[in-house]
Amino acid sequence: MSDLRFDGRVAVITGAGRGLGRAYALLLAAQGASVVVNDPGSTIAGDHSDADPAAQVVAEIIAAGGTAIASTDSVATAEGGRAIVEAALDRFGRVDVLIHNAGNNRYAPLAEMSYEDFDAVLDVHLRGAFHVVRPAFASMREARYGRIVLTSSIGGLYGNQNVANYGAAKAGIIGLSNVAALEGREHGVTSNVIVPAALTRLAEGLDTSAYPPMEPELAAPAVGWLAHESCSVTGEMLVSIAGRIARAYVAETVGVHQPAWTMAEVGDRIAEIRDTTDSWILPVVPSGHTDHIIKSFALATEGRARVSQGL
């Protein structure tokens, strides 16, 4: 069965020298995209550099009849981010797809994590996303077309121990993507988040003997669809783990309105406050932010009306 094509499209993929990023690059290139394979070849901690990973993926793509160039700039600086996007513009004249997959990690308990280790991870994941999104978005907006895919994690959604830096960065990426989705809507630019899981270098040291198949190639199609012109969603999150693809989303309970509260009353009514029956799901696009305020204000108005009527 034929799959979706990317003929004539240009994709910039960060962290594409290994693991998930490599799988994304090979998939899009096989389907006709011209790919900028970005990877400085760093260690998991983000140290050192090695041009070989990016060059090897480019060689694979070219050997298979595709088109690709290597970029070894780092997303950790604004200059590096601009250089990555400019590599696509200089060589191919456009940027249609941006997939920010680059990542690093430095582990430490929260109370012992150094500011250096916290910043080093935010520099690649969260600031790195901004460093490439900002120039790519400007080009996409001018072209009135673009597909942005940013990478979060279950660590960003649910947290995990010993990775406060990683969790904070991955949660922040969701907010950045939502803003890009809102601002890109009128310009033909979508922005979505992928929450992938695969056995890559980040799994080194873990006992994965009981894991189901989780090769990076299994997660790539979800990213490919988000990057394709047929993508029909924006401001959303797709989870891809072990062959399962799902939507993750933010929801609110209806909650409880009172015209005034004491701290004790919050505790007394916490079960009602936390009741998930009829939860609100407010899509980012077109108007989740506004809908949240409107619905909240409506409850307040109804509450005041009941009080004035003595109900």
C-alpha atoms as a PDB file:
ATOM      1  CA  MET A   1       0.000   0.000   0.000  1.00  0.00           C
ATOM      2  CA  SER A   2       1.381   3.411  -0.932  1.00  0.00           C
ATOM      3  CA  ASP A   3       2.083   5.890   1.848  1.00  0.00           C
ATOM      4  CA  LEU A   4       1.939   9.665   2.072  1.00  0.00           C
ATOM      5  CA  ARG A   5       4.495  11.521  -0.033  1.00  0.00           C
ATOM      6  CA  PHE A   6       6.650  14.570   0.687  1.00  0.00           C
ATOM      7  CA  ASP A   7       7.792  15.339  -2.844  1.00  0.00           C
ATOM      8  CA  GLY A   8       8.984  18.919  -3.120  1.00  0.00           C
ATOM      9  CA  ARG A   9       8.943  19.421   0.643  1.00  0.00           C
ATOM     10  CA  VAL A  10      11.932  20.363   2.779  1.00  0.00           C
ATOM     11  CA  ALA A  11      12.219  18.996   6.317  1.00  0.00           C
ATOM     12  CA  VAL A  12      14.562  20.120   9.079  1.00  0.00           C
ATOM     13  CA  ILE A  13      15.005  17.454  11.753  1.00  0.00           C
ATOM     14  CA  THR A  14      17.100  18.090  14.856  1.00  0.00           C
ATOM     15  CA  GLY A  15      18.780  15.232  16.677  1.00  0.00           C
ATOM     16  CA  ALA A  16      18.503  13.199  13.493  1.00  0.00           C
ATOM     17  CA  GLY A  17      21.806  11.342  13.701  1.00  0.00           C
ATOM     18  CA  ARG A  18      20.542   8.538  15.899  1.00  0.00           C
ATOM     19  CA  GLY A  19      17.440   6.949  17.379  1.00  0.00           C
ATOM     20  CA  LEU A  20      14.078   8.563  16.789  1.00  0.00           C
ATOM     21  CA  GLY A  21      15.408  11.485  14.767  1.00  0.00           C
ATOM     22  CA  ARG A  22      17.212   9.134  12.404  1.00  0.00           C
ATOM     23  CA  ALA A  23      13.995   7.142  11.911  1.00  0.00           C
ATOM     24  CA  TYR A  24      12.101  10.340  11.098  1.00  0.00           C
ATOM     25  CA  ALA A  25      14.754  11.472   8.624  1.00  0.00           C
ATOM     26  CA  LEU A  26      14.881   8.147   6.818  1.00  0.00           C
ATOM     27  CA  LEU A  27      11.081   7.933   6.613  1.00  0.00           C
ATOM     28  CA  LEU A  28      10.523  11.424   5.225  1.00  0.00           C
ATOM     29  CA  ALA A  29      13.435  11.121   2.806  1.00  0.00           C
ATOM     30  CA  ALA A  30      12.122   7.776   1.548  1.00  0.00           C
ATOM     31  CA  GLN A  31       8.815   9.516   0.843  1.00  0.00           C
ATOM     32  CA  GLY A  32      10.423  12.271  -1.196  1.00  0.00           C
ATOM     33  CA  ALA A  33      11.391  15.009   1.246  1.00  0.00           C
ATOM     34  CA  SER A  34      14.686  16.850   1.083  1.00  0.00           C
ATOM     35  CA  VAL A  35      16.045  16.585   4.614  1.00  0.00           C
ATOM     36  CA  VAL A  36      18.408  18.650   6.724  1.00  0.00           C
ATOM     37  CA  VAL A  37      19.841  16.061   9.103  1.00  0.00           C
ATOM     38  CA  ASN A  38      20.904  18.056  12.140  1.00  0.00           C
ATOM     39  CA  ASP A  39      22.981  16.476  14.878  1.00  0.00           C
ATOM     40  CA  PRO A  40      26.146  17.726  16.594  1.00  0.00           C
ATOM     41  CA  GLY A  41      26.899  14.162  17.667  1.00  0.00           C
ATOM     42  CA  SER A  42      26.848  14.911  21.388  1.00  0.00           C
ATOM     43  CA  THR A  43      26.807  12.430  24.251  1.00  0.00           C
ATOM     44  CA  ILE A  44      23.621  11.865  26.243  1.00  0.00           C
ATOM     45  CA  ALA A  45      24.792  14.540  28.677  1.00  0.00           C
ATOM     46  CA  GLY A  46      25.258  16.959  25.792  1.00  0.00           C
ATOM     47  CA  ASP A  47      29.062  16.964  25.853  1.00  0.00           C
ATOM     48  CA  HIS A  48      31.568  16.788  23.012  1.00  0.00           C
ATOM     49  CA  SER A  49      30.693  16.662  19.314  1.00  0.00           C
ATOM     50  CA  ASP A  50      31.023  14.241  16.455  1.00  0.00           C
ATOM     51  CA  ALA A  51      30.085  14.935  12.832  1.00  0.00           C
ATOM     52  CA  ASP A  52      29.769  11.242  11.955  1.00  0.00           C
ATOM     53  CA  PRO A  53      26.154  10.526  13.070  1.00  0.00           C
ATOM     54  CA  ALA A  54      24.648  13.227  10.836  1.00  0.00           C
ATOM     55  CA  ALA A  55      26.972  12.367   7.963  1.00  0.00           C
ATOM     56  CA  GLN A  56      26.104   8.676   8.183  1.00  0.00           C
ATOM     57  CA  VAL A  57      22.362   9.329   8.001  1.00  0.00           C
ATOM     58  CA  VAL A  58      22.876  11.634   5.019  1.00  0.00           C
ATOM     59  CA  ALA A  59      24.917   8.903   3.340  1.00  0.00           C
ATOM     60  CA  GLU A  60      22.113   6.372   3.960  1.00  0.00           C
ATOM     61  CA  ILE A  61      19.535   8.716   2.451  1.00  0.00           C
ATOM     62  CA  ILE A  62      21.636   9.487  -0.620  1.00  0.00           C
ATOM     63  CA  ALA A  63      22.486   5.803  -1.143  1.00  0.00           C
ATOM     64  CA  ALA A  64      18.761   5.073  -1.191  1.00  0.00           C
ATOM     65  CA  GLY A  65      18.214   7.723  -3.851  1.00  0.00           C
ATOM     66  CA  GLY A  66      17.071  10.538  -1.555  1.00  0.00           C
ATOM     67  CA  THR A  67      18.237  14.083  -0.928  1.00  0.00           C
ATOM     68  CA  ALA A  68      19.785  15.280   2.321  1.00  0.00           C
ATOM     69  CA  ILE A  69      22.450  17.513   3.798  1.00  0.00           C
ATOM     70  CA  ALA A  70      24.106  17.404   7.196  1.00  0.00           C
ATOM     71  CA  SER A  71      24.082  20.106   9.848  1.00  0.00           C
ATOM     72  CA  THR A  72      26.173  19.846  12.991  1.00  0.00           C
ATOM     73  CA  ASP A  73      25.150  23.118  14.620  1.00  0.00           C
ATOM     74  CA  SER A  74      23.715  22.930  18.130  1.00  0.00           C
ATOM     75  CA  VAL A  75      20.166  23.965  18.969  1.00  0.00           C
ATOM     76  CA  ALA A  76      21.436  25.047  22.388  1.00  0.00           C
ATOM     77  CA  THR A  77      22.199  28.564  21.144  1.00  0.00           C
ATOM     78  CA  ALA A  78      20.191  31.061  19.141  1.00  0.00           C
ATOM     79  CA  GLU A  79      23.025  31.241  16.614  1.00  0.00           C
ATOM     80  CA  GLY A  80      23.002  27.474  16.208  1.00  0.00           C
ATOM     81  CA  GLY A  81      19.246  27.377  15.749  1.00  0.00           C
ATOM     82  CA  ARG A  82      19.356  30.033  13.068  1.00  0.00           C
ATOM     83  CA  ALA A  83      22.191  28.244  11.291  1.00  0.00           C
ATOM     84  CA  ILE A  84      20.191  25.007  11.159  1.00  0.00           C
ATOM     85  CA  VAL A  85      17.200  26.692   9.551  1.00  0.00           C
ATOM     86  CA  GLU A  86      19.405  28.774   7.253  1.00  0.00           C
ATOM     87  CA  ALA A  87      21.059  25.570   6.012  1.00  0.00           C
ATOM     88  CA  ALA A  88      17.680  24.529   4.614  1.00  0.00           C
ATOM     89  CA  LEU A  89      16.946  27.949   3.162  1.00  0.00           C
ATOM     90  CA  ASP A  90      20.389  28.288   1.591  1.00  0.00           C
ATOM     91  CA  ARG A  91      20.384  24.829   0.012  1.00  0.00           C
ATOM     92  CA  PHE A  92      16.710  24.232  -0.768  1.00  0.00           C
ATOM     93  CA  GLY A  93      15.133  27.680  -0.589  1.00  0.00           C
ATOM     94  CA  ARG A  94      12.387  26.790   1.870  1.00  0.00           C
ATOM     95  CA  VAL A  95      11.411  25.079   5.113  1.00  0.00           C
ATOM     96  CA  ASP A  96       8.145  23.154   5.034  1.00  0.00           C
ATOM     97  CA  VAL A  97       8.633  20.869   8.022  1.00  0.00           C
ATOM     98  CA  LEU A  98      10.414  21.379  11.331  1.00  0.00           C
ATOM     99  CA  ILE A  99      10.774  18.427  13.682  1.00  0.00           C
ATOM    100  CA  HIS A 100      12.594  19.282  16.896  1.00  0.00           C
ATOM    101  CA  ASN A 101      13.777  15.992  18.319  1.00  0.00           C
ATOM    102  CA  ALA A 102      17.212  16.893  19.732  1.00  0.00           C
ATOM    103  CA  GLY A 103      17.640  15.986  23.364  1.00  0.00           C
ATOM    104  CA  ASN A 104      20.025  15.335  26.203  1.00  0.00           C
ATOM    105  CA  ASN A 105      19.693  14.383  29.834  1.00  0.00           C
ATOM    106  CA  ARG A 106      21.534  14.800  33.106  1.00  0.00           C
ATOM    107  CA  TYR A 107      20.207  12.870  36.062  1.00  0.00           C
ATOM    108  CA  ALA A 108      20.123  14.038  39.684  1.00  0.00           C
ATOM    109  CA  PRO A 109      17.656  14.126  42.590  1.00  0.00           C
ATOM    110  CA  LEU A 110      15.751  17.398  42.775  1.00  0.00           C
ATOM    111  CA  ALA A 111      17.451  18.578  45.960  1.00  0.00           C
ATOM    112  CA  GLU A 112      20.895  17.895  44.491  1.00  0.00           C
ATOM    113  CA  MET A 113      20.502  18.991  40.875  1.00  0.00           C
ATOM    114  CA  SER A 114      22.974  21.688  39.910  1.00  0.00           C
ATOM    115  CA  TYR A 115      21.912  24.819  38.079  1.00  0.00           C
ATOM    116  CA  GLU A 116      24.392  23.887  35.362  1.00  0.00           C
ATOM    117  CA  ASP A 117      22.686  20.538  34.776  1.00  0.00           C
ATOM    118  CA  PHE A 118      19.235  22.125  34.881  1.00  0.00           C
ATOM    119  CA  ASP A 119      20.172  24.753  32.305  1.00  0.00           C
ATOM    120  CA  ALA A 120      22.065  22.315  30.075  1.00  0.00           C
ATOM    121  CA  VAL A 121      18.922  20.245  29.539  1.00  0.00           C
ATOM    122  CA  LEU A 122      16.605  23.237  29.090  1.00  0.00           C
ATOM    123  CA  ASP A 123      19.083  24.686  26.576  1.00  0.00           C
ATOM    124  CA  VAL A 124      18.653  21.715  24.239  1.00  0.00           C
ATOM    125  CA  HIS A 125      15.022  20.708  24.750  1.00  0.00           C
ATOM    126  CA  LEU A 126      13.084  23.891  25.499  1.00  0.00           C
ATOM    127  CA  ARG A 127      15.306  26.797  24.505  1.00  0.00           C
ATOM    128  CA  GLY A 128      16.502  24.637  21.624  1.00  0.00           C
ATOM    129  CA  ALA A 129      12.912  24.338  20.418  1.00  0.00           C
ATOM    130  CA  PHE A 130      12.532  28.114  20.487  1.00  0.00           C
ATOM    131  CA  HIS A 131      15.887  28.586  18.752  1.00  0.00           C
ATOM    132  CA  VAL A 132      14.690  26.643  15.700  1.00  0.00           C
ATOM    133  CA  VAL A 133      10.967  27.424  15.835  1.00  0.00           C
ATOM    134  CA  ARG A 134      11.492  31.177  15.777  1.00  0.00           C
ATOM    135  CA  PRO A 135      13.376  31.367  12.451  1.00  0.00           C
ATOM    136  CA  ALA A 136      11.458  28.485  10.869  1.00  0.00           C
ATOM    137  CA  PHE A 137       8.103  29.969  11.846  1.00  0.00           C
ATOM    138  CA  ALA A 138       9.004  33.291  10.236  1.00  0.00           C
ATOM    139  CA  SER A 139       9.807  31.533   6.963  1.00  0.00           C
ATOM    140  CA  MET A 140       6.694  29.353   7.134  1.00  0.00           C
ATOM    141  CA  ARG A 141       4.462  32.313   7.870  1.00  0.00           C
ATOM    142  CA  GLU A 142       5.801  34.130   4.828  1.00  0.00           C
ATOM    143  CA  ALA A 143       5.261  31.038   2.669  1.00  0.00           C
ATOM    144  CA  ARG A 144       1.808  30.536   4.244  1.00  0.00           C
ATOM    145  CA  TYR A 145       2.558  26.879   4.872  1.00  0.00           C
ATOM    146  CA  GLY A 146       4.368  24.887   7.518  1.00  0.00           C
ATOM    147  CA  ARG A 147       4.317  21.844   9.762  1.00  0.00           C
ATOM    148  CA  ILE A 148       5.974  22.046  13.186  1.00  0.00           C
ATOM    149  CA  VAL A 149       6.381  18.941  15.349  1.00  0.00           C
ATOM    150  CA  LEU A 150       7.921  19.377  18.792  1.00  0.00           C
ATOM    151  CA  THR A 151       8.898  16.546  21.106  1.00  0.00           C
ATOM    152  CA  SER A 152       7.591  16.217  24.631  1.00  0.00           C
ATOM    153  CA  SER A 153       7.642  13.132  26.839  1.00  0.00           C
ATOM    154  CA  ILE A 154       5.612  11.240  29.380  1.00  0.00           C
ATOM    155  CA  GLY A 155       8.148  12.821  31.732  1.00  0.00           C
ATOM    156  CA  GLY A 156       6.736  16.187  30.704  1.00  0.00           C
ATOM    157  CA  LEU A 157       3.138  15.028  31.085  1.00  0.00           C
ATOM    158  CA  TYR A 158       3.448  13.023  34.292  1.00  0.00           C
ATOM    159  CA  GLY A 159       6.924  13.689  35.678  1.00  0.00           C
ATOM    160  CA  ASN A 160       9.583  11.196  36.689  1.00  0.00           C
ATOM    161  CA  GLN A 161      12.158  10.979  39.428  1.00  0.00           C
ATOM    162  CA  ASN A 162      15.664  12.435  39.124  1.00  0.00           C
ATOM    163  CA  VAL A 163      14.896  14.429  35.967  1.00  0.00           C
ATOM    164  CA  ALA A 164      13.428  17.772  37.092  1.00  0.00           C
ATOM    165  CA  ASN A 165      15.336  19.442  34.256  1.00  0.00           C
ATOM    166  CA  TYR A 166      13.950  17.089  31.622  1.00  0.00           C
ATOM    167  CA  GLY A 167      10.389  17.172  32.976  1.00  0.00           C
ATOM    168  CA  ALA A 168      10.318  20.966  33.137  1.00  0.00           C
ATOM    169  CA  ALA A 169      11.701  21.306  29.603  1.00  0.00           C
ATOM    170  CA  LYS A 170       9.301  18.776  28.115  1.00  0.00           C
ATOM    171  CA  ALA A 171       6.303  20.408  29.792  1.00  0.00           C
ATOM    172  CA  GLY A 172       7.387  23.823  28.523  1.00  0.00           C
ATOM    173  CA  ILE A 173       7.515  22.535  24.959  1.00  0.00           C
ATOM    174  CA  ILE A 174       3.756  21.927  25.095  1.00  0.00           C
ATOM    175  CA  GLY A 175       3.133  25.593  25.822  1.00  0.00           C
ATOM    176  CA  LEU A 176       5.459  26.695  23.034  1.00  0.00           C
ATOM    177  CA  SER A 177       3.719  24.439  20.527  1.00  0.00           C
ATOM    178  CA  ASN A 178       0.301  25.742  21.564  1.00  0.00           C
ATOM    179  CA  VAL A 179       1.354  29.331  20.906  1.00  0.00           C
ATOM    180  CA  ALA A 180       2.815  28.389  17.519  1.00  0.00           C
ATOM    181  CA  ALA A 181      -0.454  26.628  16.680  1.00  0.00           C
ATOM    182  CA  LEU A 182      -2.519  29.689  17.581  1.00  0.00           C
ATOM    183  CA  GLU A 183      -0.297  32.183  15.800  1.00  0.00           C
ATOM    184  CA  GLY A 184       0.183  29.900  12.804  1.00  0.00           C
ATOM    185  CA  ARG A 185      -3.467  29.132  12.203  1.00  0.00           C
ATOM    186  CA  GLU A 186      -4.167  32.029   9.838  1.00  0.00           C
ATOM    187  CA  HIS A 187      -0.916  31.399   7.956  1.00  0.00           C
ATOM    188  CA  GLY A 188      -1.356  27.718   7.118  1.00  0.00           C
ATOM    189  CA  VAL A 189       1.100  26.614   9.810  1.00  0.00           C
ATOM    190  CA  THR A 190       0.242  23.764  12.175  1.00  0.00           C
ATOM    191  CA  SER A 191       2.127  22.942  15.352  1.00  0.00           C
ATOM    192  CA  ASN A 192       1.702  19.725  17.287  1.00  0.00           C
ATOM    193  CA  VAL A 193       3.533  17.723  19.939  1.00  0.00           C
ATOM    194  CA  ILE A 194       4.709  14.146  19.698  1.00  0.00           C
ATOM    195  CA  VAL A 195       5.116  12.169  22.920  1.00  0.00           C
ATOM    196  CA  PRO A 196       7.209   9.223  21.733  1.00  0.00           C
ATOM    197  CA  ALA A 197       8.770   6.242  23.431  1.00  0.00           C
ATOM    198  CA  ALA A 198      11.400   4.000  21.862  1.00  0.00           C
ATOM    199  CA  LEU A 199      14.471   2.056  22.805  1.00  0.00           C
ATOM    200  CA  THR A 200      17.316   4.473  22.092  1.00  0.00           C
ATOM    201  CA  ARG A 201      20.504   5.572  23.829  1.00  0.00           C
ATOM    202  CA  LEU A 202      18.411   7.067  26.635  1.00  0.00           C
ATOM    203  CA  ALA A 203      17.385   3.521  27.627  1.00  0.00           C
ATOM    204  CA  GLU A 204      20.971   2.441  28.249  1.00  0.00           C
ATOM    205  CA  GLY A 205      21.331   0.860  31.673  1.00  0.00           C
ATOM    206  CA  LEU A 206      17.651  -0.094  31.943  1.00  0.00           C
ATOM    207  CA  ASP A 207      16.394  -3.663  31.999  1.00  0.00           C
ATOM    208  CA  THR A 208      14.250  -3.720  28.850  1.00  0.00           C
ATOM    209  CA  SER A 209      14.045  -7.503  28.517  1.00  0.00           C
ATOM    210  CA  ALA A 210      10.290  -7.531  29.190  1.00  0.00           C
ATOM    211  CA  TYR A 211       9.515  -4.613  26.876  1.00  0.00           C
ATOM    212  CA  PRO A 212       7.429  -5.164  23.733  1.00  0.00           C
ATOM    213  CA  PRO A 213       8.919  -4.108  20.377  1.00  0.00           C
ATOM    214  CA  MET A 214       9.763  -0.400  20.669  1.00  0.00           C
ATOM    215  CA  GLU A 215      12.137   0.363  17.840  1.00  0.00           C
ATOM    216  CA  PRO A 216      12.244   4.027  16.719  1.00  0.00           C
ATOM    217  CA  GLU A 217      10.733   3.105  13.351  1.00  0.00           C
ATOM    218  CA  LEU A 218       7.500   2.163  15.141  1.00  0.00           C
ATOM    219  CA  ALA A 219       7.047   5.735  16.398  1.00  0.00           C
ATOM    220  CA  ALA A 220       7.973   7.450  13.135  1.00  0.00           C
ATOM    221  CA  PRO A 221       4.650   7.237  11.214  1.00  0.00           C
ATOM    222  CA  ALA A 222       2.813   9.366  13.795  1.00  0.00           C
ATOM    223  CA  VAL A 223       5.454  12.058  13.392  1.00  0.00           C
ATOM    224  CA  GLY A 224       5.315  11.684   9.621  1.00  0.00           C
ATOM    225  CA  TRP A 225       1.567  12.298   9.590  1.00  0.00           C
ATOM    226  CA  LEU A 226       1.892  15.370  11.822  1.00  0.00           C
ATOM    227  CA  ALA A 227       4.526  16.644   9.376  1.00  0.00           C
ATOM    228  CA  HIS A 228       2.433  15.991   6.273  1.00  0.00           C
ATOM    229  CA  GLU A 229       0.249  18.455   4.389  1.00  0.00           C
ATOM    230  CA  SER A 230      -2.781  16.260   5.116  1.00  0.00           C
ATOM    231  CA  CYS A 231      -2.379  16.747   8.882  1.00  0.00           C
ATOM    232  CA  SER A 232      -5.798  17.917  10.053  1.00  0.00           C
ATOM    233  CA  VAL A 233      -5.013  18.869  13.662  1.00  0.00           C
ATOM    234  CA  THR A 234      -3.055  21.622  15.338  1.00  0.00           C
ATOM    235  CA  GLY A 235      -2.337  22.432  18.961  1.00  0.00           C
ATOM    236  CA  GLU A 236      -2.606  18.761  19.913  1.00  0.00           C
ATOM    237  CA  MET A 237      -0.439  16.013  21.384  1.00  0.00           C
ATOM    238  CA  LEU A 238      -0.069  12.498  19.985  1.00  0.00           C
ATOM    239  CA  VAL A 239       1.422   9.700  22.073  1.00  0.00           C
ATOM    240  CA  SER A 240       3.315   6.937  20.254  1.00  0.00           C
ATOM    241  CA  ILE A 241       4.557   4.007  22.328  1.00  0.00           C
ATOM    242  CA  ALA A 242       5.042   0.347  21.409  1.00  0.00           C
ATOM    243  CA  GLY A 243       2.603   0.505  18.488  1.00  0.00           C
ATOM    244  CA  ARG A 244      -0.042   2.472  20.382  1.00  0.00           C
ATOM    245  CA  ILE A 245      -0.952   5.929  19.071  1.00  0.00           C
ATOM    246  CA  ALA A 246      -3.226   8.052  21.236  1.00  0.00           C
ATOM    247  CA  ARG A 247      -4.183  11.621  21.903  1.00  0.00           C
ATOM    248  CA  ALA A 248      -3.096  13.265  25.148  1.00  0.00           C
ATOM    249  CA  TYR A 249      -4.992  16.346  26.249  1.00  0.00           C
ATOM    250  CA  VAL A 250      -5.546  18.745  29.117  1.00  0.00           C
ATOM    251  CA  ALA A 251      -8.927  18.655  30.837  1.00  0.00           C
ATOM    252  CA  GLU A 252     -10.546  20.471  33.743  1.00  0.00           C
ATOM    253  CA  THR A 253     -13.200  19.303  36.138  1.00  0.00           C
ATOM    254  CA  VAL A 254     -16.308  21.451  36.187  1.00  0.00           C
ATOM    255  CA  GLY A 255     -15.348  22.335  39.721  1.00  0.00           C
ATOM    256  CA  VAL A 256     -17.350  24.193  42.321  1.00  0.00           C
ATOM    257  CA  HIS A 257     -18.284  27.878  42.422  1.00  0.00           C
ATOM    258  CA  GLN A 258     -18.864  29.826  45.601  1.00  0.00           C
ATOM    259  CA  PRO A 259     -18.948  33.627  45.916  1.00  0.00           C
ATOM    260  CA  ALA A 260     -16.315  33.377  48.657  1.00  0.00           C
ATOM    261  CA  TRP A 261     -14.113  30.675  50.142  1.00  0.00           C
ATOM    262  CA  THR A 262     -12.281  29.834  53.311  1.00  0.00           C
ATOM    263  CA  MET A 263      -9.326  27.489  53.276  1.00  0.00           C
ATOM    264  CA  ALA A 264     -11.317  24.966  55.278  1.00  0.00           C
ATOM    265  CA  GLU A 265     -14.125  25.036  52.731  1.00  0.00           C
ATOM    266  CA  VAL A 266     -11.691  24.123  49.966  1.00  0.00           C
ATOM    267  CA  GLY A 267     -10.777  21.028  51.950  1.00  0.00           C
ATOM    268  CA  ASP A 268     -14.394  20.238  52.758  1.00  0.00           C
ATOM    269  CA  ARG A 269     -15.383  20.318  49.078  1.00  0.00           C
ATOM    270  CA  ILE A 270     -12.218  18.872  47.541  1.00  0.00           C
ATOM    271  CA  ALA A 271     -13.992  15.703  46.416  1.00  0.00           C
ATOM    272  CA  GLU A 272     -16.489  17.791  44.445  1.00  0.00           C
ATOM    273  CA  ILE A 273     -13.713  19.990  43.085  1.00  0.00           C
ATOM    274  CA  ARG A 274     -11.818  16.927  41.846  1.00  0.00           C
ATOM    275  CA  ASP A 275     -14.863  15.098  40.412  1.00  0.00           C
ATOM    276  CA  THR A 276     -14.042  14.341  36.760  1.00  0.00           C
ATOM    277  CA  THR A 277     -17.672  13.840  35.712  1.00  0.00           C
ATOM    278  CA  ASP A 278     -18.446  15.980  32.641  1.00  0.00           C
ATOM    279  CA  SER A 279     -14.922  17.363  32.519  1.00  0.00           C
ATOM    280  CA  TRP A 280     -14.169  20.263  30.214  1.00  0.00           C
ATOM    281  CA  ILE A 281     -11.944  19.514  27.229  1.00  0.00           C
ATOM    282  CA  LEU A 282     -10.987  22.845  25.676  1.00  0.00           C
ATOM    283  CA  PRO A 283      -9.017  22.466  22.427  1.00  0.00           C
ATOM    284  CA  VAL A 284      -6.147  24.916  22.111  1.00  0.00           C
ATOM    285  CA  VAL A 285      -7.257  25.897  18.612  1.00  0.00           C
ATOM    286  CA  PRO A 286      -9.372  27.777  17.952  1.00  0.00           C
ATOM    287  CA  SER A 287     -10.090  29.200  21.394  1.00  0.00           C
ATOM    288  CA  GLY A 288      -9.265  27.075  24.446  1.00  0.00           C
ATOM    289  CA  HIS A 289      -7.824  30.025  26.368  1.00  0.00           C
ATOM    290  CA  THR A 290     -10.918  32.150  25.752  1.00  0.00           C
ATOM    291  CA  ASP A 291     -13.348  29.272  26.292  1.00  0.00           C
ATOM    292  CA  HIS A 292     -11.789  28.583  29.696  1.00  0.00           C
ATOM    293  CA  ILE A 293     -12.439  32.173  30.773  1.00  0.00           C
ATOM    294  CA  ILE A 294     -15.958  32.313  29.306  1.00  0.00           C
ATOM    295  CA  LYS A 295     -17.068  29.069  30.962  1.00  0.00           C
ATOM    296  CA  SER A 296     -15.491  30.028  34.287  1.00  0.00           C
ATOM    297  CA  PHE A 297     -17.133  33.444  34.237  1.00  0.00           C
ATOM    298  CA  ALA A 298     -20.478  31.849  33.339  1.00  0.00           C
ATOM    299  CA  LEU A 299     -20.350  29.735  36.511  1.00  0.00           C
ATOM    300  CA  ALA A 300     -19.529  32.817  38.543  1.00  0.00           C
ATOM    301  CA  THR A 301     -22.446  34.705  36.988  1.00  0.00           C
ATOM    302  CA  GLU A 302     -24.816  31.819  37.628  1.00  0.00           C
ATOM    303  CA  GLY A 303     -23.589  31.602  41.188  1.00  0.00           C
ATOM    304  CA  ARG A 304     -24.208  35.281  41.852  1.00  0.00           C
ATOM    305  CA  ALA A 305     -27.682  34.983  40.325  1.00  0.00           C
ATOM    306  CA  ARG A 306     -28.546  32.099  42.646  1.00  0.00           C
ATOM    307  CA  VAL A 307     -27.339  34.037  45.667  1.00  0.00           C
ATOM    308  CA  SER A 308     -29.373  37.117  44.722  1.00  0.00           C
ATOM    309  CA  GLN A 309     -32.456  34.927  44.305  1.00  0.00           C
ATOM    310  CA  GLY A 310     -31.865  33.357  47.706  1.00  0.00           C
ATOM    311  CA  LEU A 311     -31.378  29.885  46.209  1.00  0.00           C
END
